[in-house]
């Protein structure tokens, strides 16, 4: 994991006009932010759009960054807020996209490996998407963003024990759904 103090210094340098500092931050956080978004929404195309929104917000609001909040927390807070906004919009529009998890195959792999990876990835996406939004969000913020329980609790506006409970239930449900003995759910 990159040194958070260095990340904070890079963001402050970028806010002061150092474009190279931004490039270094982008290089460090490109993959973690993108993975978080893909897992949070289950759709690469949508994750691409949200990813662009996240970096646009970081650029547009660079003067609002404060060292005490830490760049990692700052960036993942923006990403989390974009995901929450997306789910709220979908809920208001009443959309239910059952094909939200298509298209995550590594095209460079052999057909057998690609099929195996596709099946595992699809099972994980399906299991993640079947979690309640609060549990999925807490799980992804911990696993993909590397945030502490305290940071997740603050971000979700709930207590520390509530986050521990959400994570415990999420892990239990994921284990049940991903175990070799798991029965497939009917469509």
N, C-alpha and C. Protein backbone atom coordinates (compact mmCIF):
# COMPACT_ATOMS: atom_id res chain seq x y z
N UNK A 1 0.85 -1.17 0.00
CA UNK A 1 0.00 0.00 0.00
C UNK A 1 0.90 1.24 0.00
N UNK A 2 0.59 2.22 -0.84
CA UNK A 2 1.40 3.42 -0.89
C UNK A 2 1.37 4.16 0.45
N UNK A 3 2.42 4.91 0.71
CA UNK A 3 2.51 5.71 1.92
C UNK A 3 1.45 6.81 1.88
N UNK A 4 0.49 6.79 2.84
CA UNK A 4 -0.59 7.78 2.80
C UNK A 4 -0.09 9.21 2.92
N UNK A 5 0.99 9.42 3.68
CA UNK A 5 1.52 10.78 3.80
C UNK A 5 2.01 11.27 2.45
N UNK A 6 2.63 10.38 1.71
CA UNK A 6 3.12 10.73 0.37
C UNK A 6 1.94 11.04 -0.55
N UNK A 7 0.88 10.25 -0.46
CA UNK A 7 -0.31 10.50 -1.26
C UNK A 7 -0.90 11.87 -0.93
N UNK A 8 -0.96 12.18 0.35
CA UNK A 8 -1.49 13.47 0.77
C UNK A 8 -0.64 14.61 0.22
N UNK A 9 0.67 14.43 0.29
CA UNK A 9 1.58 15.45 -0.23
C UNK A 9 1.42 15.60 -1.75
N UNK A 10 1.22 14.48 -2.43
CA UNK A 10 1.00 14.54 -3.88
C UNK A 10 -0.29 15.30 -4.20
N UNK A 11 -1.34 15.04 -3.45
CA UNK A 11 -2.60 15.73 -3.71
C UNK A 11 -2.47 17.22 -3.43
N UNK A 12 -1.78 17.57 -2.35
CA UNK A 12 -1.57 18.99 -2.05
C UNK A 12 -0.72 19.64 -3.15
N UNK A 13 0.28 18.91 -3.65
CA UNK A 13 1.10 19.44 -4.74
C UNK A 13 0.25 19.63 -5.99
N UNK A 14 -0.64 18.67 -6.27
CA UNK A 14 -1.52 18.80 -7.42
C UNK A 14 -2.44 20.00 -7.25
N UNK A 15 -2.99 20.18 -6.06
CA UNK A 15 -3.86 21.33 -5.80
C UNK A 15 -3.09 22.63 -6.04
N UNK A 16 -1.78 22.58 -5.84
CA UNK A 16 -0.94 23.74 -6.09
C UNK A 16 -0.49 23.88 -7.54
N UNK A 17 -0.92 22.96 -8.41
CA UNK A 17 -0.62 23.08 -9.83
C UNK A 17 0.35 22.07 -10.40
N UNK A 18 0.82 21.12 -9.61
CA UNK A 18 1.80 20.13 -10.07
C UNK A 18 1.07 18.96 -10.75
N UNK A 19 1.02 18.99 -12.08
CA UNK A 19 0.30 17.97 -12.85
C UNK A 19 0.95 16.60 -12.70
N UNK A 20 2.26 16.55 -12.58
CA UNK A 20 2.97 15.26 -12.40
C UNK A 20 2.51 14.58 -11.11
N UNK A 21 2.24 15.35 -10.08
CA UNK A 21 1.76 14.78 -8.82
C UNK A 21 0.42 14.08 -9.04
N UNK A 22 -0.45 14.69 -9.85
CA UNK A 22 -1.73 14.06 -10.16
C UNK A 22 -1.52 12.76 -10.91
N UNK A 23 -0.62 12.76 -11.87
CA UNK A 23 -0.36 11.55 -12.65
C UNK A 23 0.10 10.41 -11.74
N UNK A 24 0.92 10.73 -10.76
CA UNK A 24 1.39 9.70 -9.82
C UNK A 24 0.23 9.17 -8.99
N UNK A 25 -0.64 10.06 -8.50
CA UNK A 25 -1.81 9.62 -7.74
C UNK A 25 -2.72 8.75 -8.60
N UNK A 26 -2.95 9.18 -9.82
CA UNK A 26 -3.82 8.42 -10.72
C UNK A 26 -3.24 7.03 -10.95
N UNK A 27 -1.93 6.95 -11.17
CA UNK A 27 -1.29 5.65 -11.38
C UNK A 27 -1.46 4.74 -10.17
N UNK A 28 -1.36 5.29 -8.97
CA UNK A 28 -1.48 4.49 -7.74
C UNK A 28 -2.90 4.03 -7.47
N UNK A 29 -3.88 4.86 -7.77
CA UNK A 29 -5.25 4.58 -7.37
C UNK A 29 -6.15 4.15 -8.52
N UNK A 30 -5.62 4.09 -9.72
CA UNK A 30 -6.44 3.70 -10.88
C UNK A 30 -7.09 2.34 -10.66
N UNK A 31 -6.29 1.32 -10.38
CA UNK A 31 -6.83 -0.04 -10.22
C UNK A 31 -7.70 -0.21 -8.98
N UNK A 32 -7.26 0.23 -7.79
CA UNK A 32 -8.11 0.03 -6.61
C UNK A 32 -9.48 0.71 -6.74
N UNK A 33 -9.51 1.93 -7.25
CA UNK A 33 -10.79 2.62 -7.41
C UNK A 33 -11.67 1.91 -8.45
N UNK A 34 -11.07 1.51 -9.55
CA UNK A 34 -11.85 0.85 -10.60
C UNK A 34 -12.41 -0.48 -10.10
N UNK A 35 -11.57 -1.27 -9.42
CA UNK A 35 -12.05 -2.56 -8.88
C UNK A 35 -13.21 -2.34 -7.91
N UNK A 36 -13.07 -1.35 -7.05
CA UNK A 36 -14.15 -1.05 -6.11
C UNK A 36 -15.44 -0.75 -6.87
N UNK A 37 -15.36 0.09 -7.88
CA UNK A 37 -16.55 0.47 -8.63
C UNK A 37 -17.16 -0.71 -9.38
N UNK A 38 -16.33 -1.54 -10.01
CA UNK A 38 -16.85 -2.71 -10.73
C UNK A 38 -17.59 -3.63 -9.76
N UNK A 39 -16.98 -3.90 -8.61
CA UNK A 39 -17.64 -4.78 -7.65
C UNK A 39 -18.87 -4.14 -7.02
N UNK A 40 -18.86 -2.84 -6.87
CA UNK A 40 -19.99 -2.16 -6.23
C UNK A 40 -21.21 -2.11 -7.13
N UNK A 41 -21.00 -2.00 -8.45
CA UNK A 41 -22.15 -1.89 -9.36
C UNK A 41 -22.34 -3.11 -10.25
N UNK A 42 -21.31 -3.96 -10.36
CA UNK A 42 -21.45 -5.20 -11.12
C UNK A 42 -21.51 -5.04 -12.62
N UNK A 43 -21.06 -3.91 -13.14
CA UNK A 43 -21.17 -3.64 -14.57
C UNK A 43 -19.98 -2.79 -14.99
N UNK A 44 -19.14 -3.32 -15.86
CA UNK A 44 -17.92 -2.59 -16.27
C UNK A 44 -18.24 -1.27 -16.98
N UNK A 45 -19.24 -1.26 -17.82
CA UNK A 45 -19.57 -0.03 -18.54
C UNK A 45 -19.99 1.06 -17.58
N UNK A 46 -20.84 0.71 -16.65
CA UNK A 46 -21.27 1.67 -15.64
C UNK A 46 -20.08 2.07 -14.76
N UNK A 47 -19.25 1.10 -14.39
CA UNK A 47 -18.07 1.40 -13.57
C UNK A 47 -17.15 2.37 -14.30
N UNK A 48 -17.02 2.21 -15.63
CA UNK A 48 -16.21 3.14 -16.42
C UNK A 48 -16.74 4.57 -16.29
N UNK A 49 -18.06 4.70 -16.39
CA UNK A 49 -18.67 6.03 -16.27
C UNK A 49 -18.44 6.62 -14.88
N UNK A 50 -18.68 5.81 -13.86
CA UNK A 50 -18.50 6.29 -12.49
C UNK A 50 -17.03 6.61 -12.22
N UNK A 51 -16.15 5.81 -12.77
CA UNK A 51 -14.71 6.03 -12.61
C UNK A 51 -14.33 7.42 -13.15
N UNK A 52 -14.85 7.75 -14.32
CA UNK A 52 -14.58 9.08 -14.89
C UNK A 52 -15.15 10.18 -14.00
N UNK A 53 -16.34 9.95 -13.45
CA UNK A 53 -16.94 10.93 -12.56
C UNK A 53 -16.10 11.13 -11.30
N UNK A 54 -15.56 10.04 -10.77
CA UNK A 54 -14.74 10.12 -9.55
C UNK A 54 -13.51 10.98 -9.82
N UNK A 55 -12.80 10.68 -10.89
CA UNK A 55 -11.58 11.46 -11.17
C UNK A 55 -11.91 12.89 -11.55
N UNK A 56 -13.03 13.10 -12.22
CA UNK A 56 -13.44 14.48 -12.53
C UNK A 56 -13.71 15.25 -11.24
N UNK A 57 -14.34 14.60 -10.27
CA UNK A 57 -14.61 15.25 -8.98
C UNK A 57 -13.31 15.54 -8.24
N UNK A 58 -12.37 14.61 -8.27
CA UNK A 58 -11.08 14.83 -7.62
C UNK A 58 -10.39 16.04 -8.26
N UNK A 59 -10.45 16.13 -9.57
CA UNK A 59 -9.84 17.26 -10.28
C UNK A 59 -10.58 18.56 -9.97
N UNK A 60 -11.91 18.53 -10.10
CA UNK A 60 -12.71 19.74 -9.91
C UNK A 60 -12.63 20.29 -8.49
N UNK A 61 -12.49 19.40 -7.52
CA UNK A 61 -12.53 19.82 -6.12
C UNK A 61 -11.19 19.68 -5.42
N UNK A 62 -10.11 19.73 -6.18
CA UNK A 62 -8.78 19.53 -5.60
C UNK A 62 -8.48 20.54 -4.51
N UNK A 63 -9.04 21.73 -4.60
CA UNK A 63 -8.77 22.75 -3.58
C UNK A 63 -9.50 22.46 -2.27
N UNK A 64 -10.44 21.52 -2.27
CA UNK A 64 -11.16 21.15 -1.04
C UNK A 64 -10.45 20.07 -0.23
N UNK A 65 -9.46 19.43 -0.82
CA UNK A 65 -8.75 18.36 -0.12
C UNK A 65 -8.01 18.93 1.08
N UNK A 66 -8.14 18.21 2.21
CA UNK A 66 -7.41 18.56 3.43
C UNK A 66 -6.62 17.36 3.88
N UNK A 67 -5.38 17.59 4.23
CA UNK A 67 -4.47 16.51 4.59
C UNK A 67 -5.04 15.61 5.69
N UNK A 68 -5.77 16.17 6.66
CA UNK A 68 -6.25 15.36 7.78
C UNK A 68 -7.21 14.26 7.34
N UNK A 69 -7.88 14.44 6.22
CA UNK A 69 -8.80 13.39 5.78
C UNK A 69 -8.08 12.28 5.03
N UNK A 70 -6.91 12.51 4.53
CA UNK A 70 -6.15 11.48 3.82
C UNK A 70 -6.68 11.27 2.41
N UNK A 71 -5.78 11.16 1.45
CA UNK A 71 -6.21 11.03 0.06
C UNK A 71 -7.00 9.75 -0.19
N UNK A 72 -6.54 8.64 0.38
CA UNK A 72 -7.23 7.36 0.15
C UNK A 72 -8.69 7.46 0.59
N UNK A 73 -8.91 7.97 1.80
CA UNK A 73 -10.28 8.14 2.29
C UNK A 73 -11.06 9.11 1.41
N UNK A 74 -10.41 10.19 1.02
CA UNK A 74 -11.03 11.21 0.19
C UNK A 74 -11.49 10.61 -1.15
N UNK A 75 -10.61 9.88 -1.82
CA UNK A 75 -10.93 9.31 -3.12
C UNK A 75 -12.03 8.25 -3.02
N UNK A 76 -11.93 7.38 -2.01
CA UNK A 76 -12.94 6.33 -1.89
C UNK A 76 -14.27 6.88 -1.37
N UNK A 77 -14.24 7.99 -0.65
CA UNK A 77 -15.49 8.64 -0.25
C UNK A 77 -16.21 9.14 -1.50
N UNK A 78 -15.47 9.76 -2.39
CA UNK A 78 -16.08 10.24 -3.64
C UNK A 78 -16.64 9.06 -4.43
N UNK A 79 -15.87 7.97 -4.54
CA UNK A 79 -16.33 6.79 -5.27
C UNK A 79 -17.59 6.21 -4.62
N UNK A 80 -17.56 6.08 -3.31
CA UNK A 80 -18.72 5.55 -2.59
C UNK A 80 -19.95 6.42 -2.83
N UNK A 81 -19.77 7.73 -2.75
CA UNK A 81 -20.90 8.64 -2.97
C UNK A 81 -21.46 8.51 -4.38
N UNK A 82 -20.60 8.30 -5.36
CA UNK A 82 -21.08 8.12 -6.74
C UNK A 82 -21.88 6.82 -6.86
N UNK A 83 -21.43 5.77 -6.19
CA UNK A 83 -22.16 4.49 -6.21
C UNK A 83 -23.52 4.66 -5.54
N UNK A 84 -23.54 5.30 -4.38
CA UNK A 84 -24.81 5.53 -3.67
C UNK A 84 -25.76 6.34 -4.54
N UNK A 85 -25.24 7.39 -5.17
CA UNK A 85 -26.07 8.20 -6.06
C UNK A 85 -26.65 7.36 -7.20
N UNK A 86 -25.82 6.49 -7.76
CA UNK A 86 -26.28 5.62 -8.84
C UNK A 86 -27.44 4.74 -8.37
N UNK A 87 -27.27 4.07 -7.22
CA UNK A 87 -28.32 3.18 -6.73
C UNK A 87 -29.59 3.95 -6.38
N UNK A 88 -29.44 5.15 -5.87
CA UNK A 88 -30.63 5.98 -5.58
C UNK A 88 -31.37 6.33 -6.86
N UNK A 89 -30.61 6.72 -7.89
CA UNK A 89 -31.24 7.04 -9.18
C UNK A 89 -31.98 5.83 -9.73
N UNK A 90 -31.35 4.67 -9.66
CA UNK A 90 -31.99 3.44 -10.17
C UNK A 90 -33.24 3.12 -9.38
N UNK A 91 -33.18 3.30 -8.07
CA UNK A 91 -34.36 3.01 -7.25
C UNK A 91 -35.50 3.95 -7.62
N UNK A 92 -35.18 5.21 -7.83
CA UNK A 92 -36.21 6.18 -8.22
C UNK A 92 -36.79 5.86 -9.59
N UNK A 93 -35.94 5.39 -10.50
CA UNK A 93 -36.40 5.08 -11.85
C UNK A 93 -37.05 3.71 -11.93
N UNK A 94 -36.89 2.91 -10.90
CA UNK A 94 -37.49 1.58 -10.89
C UNK A 94 -36.84 0.61 -11.84
N UNK A 95 -35.56 0.80 -12.14
CA UNK A 95 -34.87 -0.09 -13.06
C UNK A 95 -34.41 -1.34 -12.33
N UNK A 96 -34.51 -2.47 -13.01
CA UNK A 96 -34.00 -3.74 -12.50
C UNK A 96 -33.28 -4.44 -13.64
N UNK A 97 -31.98 -4.29 -13.67
CA UNK A 97 -31.19 -4.84 -14.77
C UNK A 97 -30.61 -6.18 -14.35
N UNK A 98 -31.20 -7.26 -14.82
CA UNK A 98 -30.72 -8.59 -14.42
C UNK A 98 -29.43 -8.99 -15.12
N UNK A 99 -29.04 -8.23 -16.13
CA UNK A 99 -27.82 -8.57 -16.87
C UNK A 99 -26.68 -7.63 -16.51
N UNK A 100 -26.66 -7.12 -15.29
CA UNK A 100 -25.67 -6.13 -14.88
C UNK A 100 -24.27 -6.70 -14.73
N UNK A 101 -24.14 -8.02 -14.75
CA UNK A 101 -22.83 -8.60 -14.49
C UNK A 101 -22.20 -9.25 -15.71
N UNK A 102 -22.65 -8.94 -16.89
CA UNK A 102 -22.12 -9.58 -18.11
C UNK A 102 -20.81 -8.94 -18.55
N UNK A 103 -19.99 -9.72 -19.25
CA UNK A 103 -18.85 -9.18 -19.97
C UNK A 103 -17.56 -8.99 -19.22
N UNK A 104 -17.27 -9.77 -18.19
CA UNK A 104 -16.03 -9.57 -17.45
C UNK A 104 -15.02 -10.69 -17.71
N UNK A 105 -14.87 -11.11 -18.95
CA UNK A 105 -13.97 -12.21 -19.29
C UNK A 105 -12.63 -11.67 -19.76
N UNK A 106 -11.55 -12.32 -19.34
CA UNK A 106 -10.21 -12.00 -19.83
C UNK A 106 -10.07 -12.62 -21.21
N UNK A 107 -10.06 -11.79 -22.22
CA UNK A 107 -10.05 -12.28 -23.60
C UNK A 107 -8.71 -12.89 -24.00
N UNK A 108 -7.65 -12.66 -23.23
CA UNK A 108 -6.32 -13.16 -23.56
C UNK A 108 -6.12 -14.61 -23.11
N UNK A 109 -6.96 -15.13 -22.24
CA UNK A 109 -6.77 -16.46 -21.67
C UNK A 109 -7.18 -17.54 -22.68
N UNK A 110 -6.74 -18.78 -22.39
CA UNK A 110 -7.17 -19.90 -23.21
C UNK A 110 -8.67 -20.06 -23.00
N UNK A 111 -9.36 -20.70 -23.93
CA UNK A 111 -10.80 -20.85 -23.78
C UNK A 111 -11.21 -21.54 -22.47
N UNK A 112 -10.45 -22.58 -22.08
CA UNK A 112 -10.80 -23.29 -20.85
C UNK A 112 -10.61 -22.40 -19.62
N UNK A 113 -9.47 -21.73 -19.57
CA UNK A 113 -9.19 -20.85 -18.43
C UNK A 113 -10.16 -19.67 -18.42
N UNK A 114 -10.45 -19.15 -19.59
CA UNK A 114 -11.38 -18.03 -19.67
C UNK A 114 -12.76 -18.45 -19.16
N UNK A 115 -13.21 -19.65 -19.56
CA UNK A 115 -14.51 -20.14 -19.11
C UNK A 115 -14.52 -20.35 -17.60
N UNK A 116 -13.44 -20.92 -17.08
CA UNK A 116 -13.35 -21.14 -15.63
C UNK A 116 -13.34 -19.81 -14.87
N UNK A 117 -12.54 -18.87 -15.34
CA UNK A 117 -12.48 -17.56 -14.69
C UNK A 117 -13.81 -16.84 -14.81
N UNK A 118 -14.44 -16.96 -15.96
CA UNK A 118 -15.74 -16.33 -16.16
C UNK A 118 -16.76 -16.90 -15.18
N UNK A 119 -16.77 -18.21 -15.02
CA UNK A 119 -17.72 -18.85 -14.09
C UNK A 119 -17.47 -18.40 -12.66
N UNK A 120 -16.19 -18.37 -12.25
CA UNK A 120 -15.87 -17.92 -10.88
C UNK A 120 -16.24 -16.46 -10.68
N UNK A 121 -15.90 -15.63 -11.67
CA UNK A 121 -16.20 -14.21 -11.57
C UNK A 121 -17.71 -13.98 -11.56
N UNK A 122 -18.43 -14.72 -12.38
CA UNK A 122 -19.89 -14.59 -12.41
C UNK A 122 -20.50 -15.01 -11.09
N UNK A 123 -19.98 -16.10 -10.51
CA UNK A 123 -20.49 -16.55 -9.21
C UNK A 123 -20.23 -15.50 -8.13
N UNK A 124 -19.04 -14.92 -8.15
CA UNK A 124 -18.72 -13.88 -7.16
C UNK A 124 -19.59 -12.65 -7.38
N UNK A 125 -19.74 -12.20 -8.63
CA UNK A 125 -20.58 -11.04 -8.90
C UNK A 125 -22.02 -11.31 -8.47
N UNK A 126 -22.51 -12.49 -8.80
CA UNK A 126 -23.88 -12.83 -8.42
C UNK A 126 -24.03 -12.83 -6.90
N UNK A 127 -23.06 -13.42 -6.22
CA UNK A 127 -23.10 -13.46 -4.75
C UNK A 127 -23.03 -12.05 -4.18
N UNK A 128 -22.14 -11.22 -4.71
CA UNK A 128 -22.04 -9.83 -4.22
C UNK A 128 -23.32 -9.06 -4.48
N UNK A 129 -23.88 -9.21 -5.67
CA UNK A 129 -25.08 -8.46 -6.02
C UNK A 129 -26.30 -8.94 -5.24
N UNK A 130 -26.24 -10.16 -4.70
CA UNK A 130 -27.38 -10.66 -3.93
C UNK A 130 -27.36 -10.15 -2.49
N UNK A 131 -26.23 -9.57 -2.07
CA UNK A 131 -26.17 -9.00 -0.72
C UNK A 131 -27.00 -7.73 -0.65
N UNK A 132 -27.56 -7.44 0.52
CA UNK A 132 -28.20 -6.13 0.69
C UNK A 132 -27.17 -5.03 0.43
N UNK A 133 -27.62 -3.91 -0.08
CA UNK A 133 -26.72 -2.82 -0.48
C UNK A 133 -25.78 -2.42 0.66
N UNK A 134 -26.29 -2.32 1.88
CA UNK A 134 -25.46 -1.89 3.01
C UNK A 134 -24.34 -2.89 3.28
N UNK A 135 -24.64 -4.18 3.20
CA UNK A 135 -23.63 -5.21 3.43
C UNK A 135 -22.61 -5.21 2.29
N UNK A 136 -23.09 -5.13 1.06
CA UNK A 136 -22.18 -5.13 -0.09
C UNK A 136 -21.24 -3.93 -0.03
N UNK A 137 -21.79 -2.78 0.28
CA UNK A 137 -20.98 -1.57 0.35
C UNK A 137 -19.93 -1.67 1.44
N UNK A 138 -20.32 -2.13 2.63
CA UNK A 138 -19.36 -2.28 3.73
C UNK A 138 -18.26 -3.28 3.35
N UNK A 139 -18.66 -4.39 2.76
CA UNK A 139 -17.69 -5.42 2.36
C UNK A 139 -16.70 -4.87 1.33
N UNK A 140 -17.20 -4.19 0.31
CA UNK A 140 -16.32 -3.67 -0.73
C UNK A 140 -15.43 -2.54 -0.22
N UNK A 141 -15.96 -1.70 0.65
CA UNK A 141 -15.13 -0.63 1.22
C UNK A 141 -13.99 -1.22 2.05
N UNK A 142 -14.24 -2.33 2.71
CA UNK A 142 -13.17 -2.96 3.49
C UNK A 142 -12.21 -3.71 2.58
N UNK A 143 -12.73 -4.54 1.69
CA UNK A 143 -11.88 -5.42 0.88
C UNK A 143 -11.20 -4.70 -0.29
N UNK A 144 -11.92 -3.86 -0.99
CA UNK A 144 -11.36 -3.20 -2.17
C UNK A 144 -10.69 -1.88 -1.83
N UNK A 145 -11.32 -1.10 -0.96
CA UNK A 145 -10.76 0.21 -0.63
C UNK A 145 -9.78 0.14 0.53
N UNK A 146 -9.84 -0.95 1.31
CA UNK A 146 -8.93 -1.09 2.44
C UNK A 146 -9.24 -0.15 3.59
N UNK A 147 -10.49 0.28 3.70
CA UNK A 147 -10.85 1.21 4.76
C UNK A 147 -11.05 0.48 6.08
N UNK A 148 -10.82 1.19 7.16
CA UNK A 148 -11.00 0.63 8.50
C UNK A 148 -12.49 0.59 8.83
N UNK A 149 -12.83 -0.17 9.88
CA UNK A 149 -14.22 -0.23 10.32
C UNK A 149 -14.72 1.16 10.70
N UNK A 150 -13.88 1.92 11.35
CA UNK A 150 -14.25 3.28 11.77
C UNK A 150 -14.56 4.15 10.56
N UNK A 151 -13.71 4.06 9.53
CA UNK A 151 -13.94 4.85 8.32
C UNK A 151 -15.23 4.43 7.61
N UNK A 152 -15.48 3.13 7.57
CA UNK A 152 -16.70 2.63 6.92
C UNK A 152 -17.92 3.09 7.70
N UNK A 153 -17.86 2.99 9.02
CA UNK A 153 -18.98 3.43 9.86
C UNK A 153 -19.26 4.91 9.64
N UNK A 154 -18.21 5.70 9.60
CA UNK A 154 -18.37 7.13 9.36
C UNK A 154 -18.99 7.39 8.00
N UNK A 155 -18.51 6.69 6.99
CA UNK A 155 -18.99 6.87 5.63
C UNK A 155 -20.47 6.48 5.51
N UNK A 156 -20.86 5.39 6.19
CA UNK A 156 -22.24 4.92 6.07
C UNK A 156 -23.16 5.55 7.11
N UNK A 157 -22.59 6.33 8.02
CA UNK A 157 -23.41 7.04 9.01
C UNK A 157 -24.04 6.13 10.04
N UNK A 158 -23.32 5.05 10.40
CA UNK A 158 -23.82 4.11 11.41
C UNK A 158 -22.71 3.83 12.41
N UNK A 159 -23.04 3.07 13.45
CA UNK A 159 -22.06 2.75 14.47
C UNK A 159 -21.08 1.67 14.06
N UNK A 160 -19.99 1.61 14.80
CA UNK A 160 -18.92 0.63 14.58
C UNK A 160 -19.47 -0.80 14.66
N UNK A 161 -20.30 -1.09 15.65
CA UNK A 161 -20.86 -2.44 15.82
C UNK A 161 -21.78 -2.81 14.65
N UNK A 162 -22.48 -1.84 14.13
CA UNK A 162 -23.34 -2.10 12.97
C UNK A 162 -22.51 -2.53 11.77
N UNK A 163 -21.38 -1.88 11.57
CA UNK A 163 -20.49 -2.26 10.46
C UNK A 163 -19.94 -3.65 10.68
N UNK A 164 -19.52 -3.95 11.91
CA UNK A 164 -19.01 -5.30 12.20
C UNK A 164 -20.08 -6.34 11.88
N UNK A 165 -21.30 -6.04 12.25
CA UNK A 165 -22.40 -6.96 11.98
C UNK A 165 -22.65 -7.11 10.48
N UNK A 166 -22.65 -6.00 9.75
CA UNK A 166 -22.86 -6.05 8.30
C UNK A 166 -21.77 -6.88 7.63
N UNK A 167 -20.53 -6.69 8.07
CA UNK A 167 -19.42 -7.45 7.48
C UNK A 167 -19.54 -8.93 7.81
N UNK A 168 -19.90 -9.23 9.05
CA UNK A 168 -20.04 -10.63 9.46
C UNK A 168 -21.13 -11.32 8.62
N UNK A 169 -22.28 -10.66 8.47
CA UNK A 169 -23.36 -11.24 7.66
C UNK A 169 -22.95 -11.35 6.19
N UNK A 170 -22.26 -10.35 5.67
CA UNK A 170 -21.84 -10.38 4.27
C UNK A 170 -20.90 -11.56 4.02
N UNK A 171 -19.91 -11.73 4.89
CA UNK A 171 -18.96 -12.83 4.72
C UNK A 171 -19.67 -14.17 4.82
N UNK A 172 -20.57 -14.30 5.79
CA UNK A 172 -21.31 -15.55 5.95
C UNK A 172 -22.12 -15.87 4.70
N UNK A 173 -22.83 -14.87 4.18
CA UNK A 173 -23.65 -15.09 2.98
C UNK A 173 -22.80 -15.41 1.76
N UNK A 174 -21.67 -14.72 1.63
CA UNK A 174 -20.78 -15.01 0.50
C UNK A 174 -20.22 -16.42 0.59
N UNK A 175 -19.82 -16.83 1.78
CA UNK A 175 -19.31 -18.21 1.95
C UNK A 175 -20.38 -19.23 1.59
N UNK A 176 -21.60 -18.98 2.05
CA UNK A 176 -22.69 -19.91 1.75
C UNK A 176 -22.93 -20.00 0.25
N UNK A 177 -22.96 -18.85 -0.41
CA UNK A 177 -23.28 -18.83 -1.84
C UNK A 177 -22.14 -19.33 -2.71
N UNK A 178 -20.91 -19.22 -2.22
CA UNK A 178 -19.76 -19.60 -3.03
C UNK A 178 -19.18 -20.97 -2.66
N UNK A 179 -19.75 -21.61 -1.65
CA UNK A 179 -19.24 -22.93 -1.25
C UNK A 179 -19.54 -23.94 -2.35
N UNK A 180 -18.69 -24.97 -2.47
CA UNK A 180 -18.92 -25.99 -3.51
C UNK A 180 -20.26 -26.70 -3.35
N UNK A 181 -20.79 -26.74 -2.12
CA UNK A 181 -22.05 -27.43 -1.86
C UNK A 181 -23.27 -26.54 -2.07
N UNK A 182 -23.05 -25.27 -2.41
CA UNK A 182 -24.16 -24.33 -2.53
C UNK A 182 -25.09 -24.75 -3.65
N UNK A 183 -26.37 -24.65 -3.39
CA UNK A 183 -27.38 -24.94 -4.40
C UNK A 183 -27.62 -23.68 -5.22
N UNK A 184 -27.64 -23.78 -6.54
CA UNK A 184 -27.91 -22.58 -7.35
C UNK A 184 -29.30 -22.05 -7.06
N UNK A 185 -29.39 -20.72 -7.04
CA UNK A 185 -30.69 -20.09 -6.82
C UNK A 185 -31.47 -20.09 -8.13
N UNK A 186 -32.78 -20.26 -8.04
CA UNK A 186 -33.58 -20.22 -9.27
C UNK A 186 -33.57 -18.81 -9.85
N UNK A 187 -33.64 -18.69 -11.17
CA UNK A 187 -33.61 -17.35 -11.81
C UNK A 187 -34.84 -16.54 -11.51
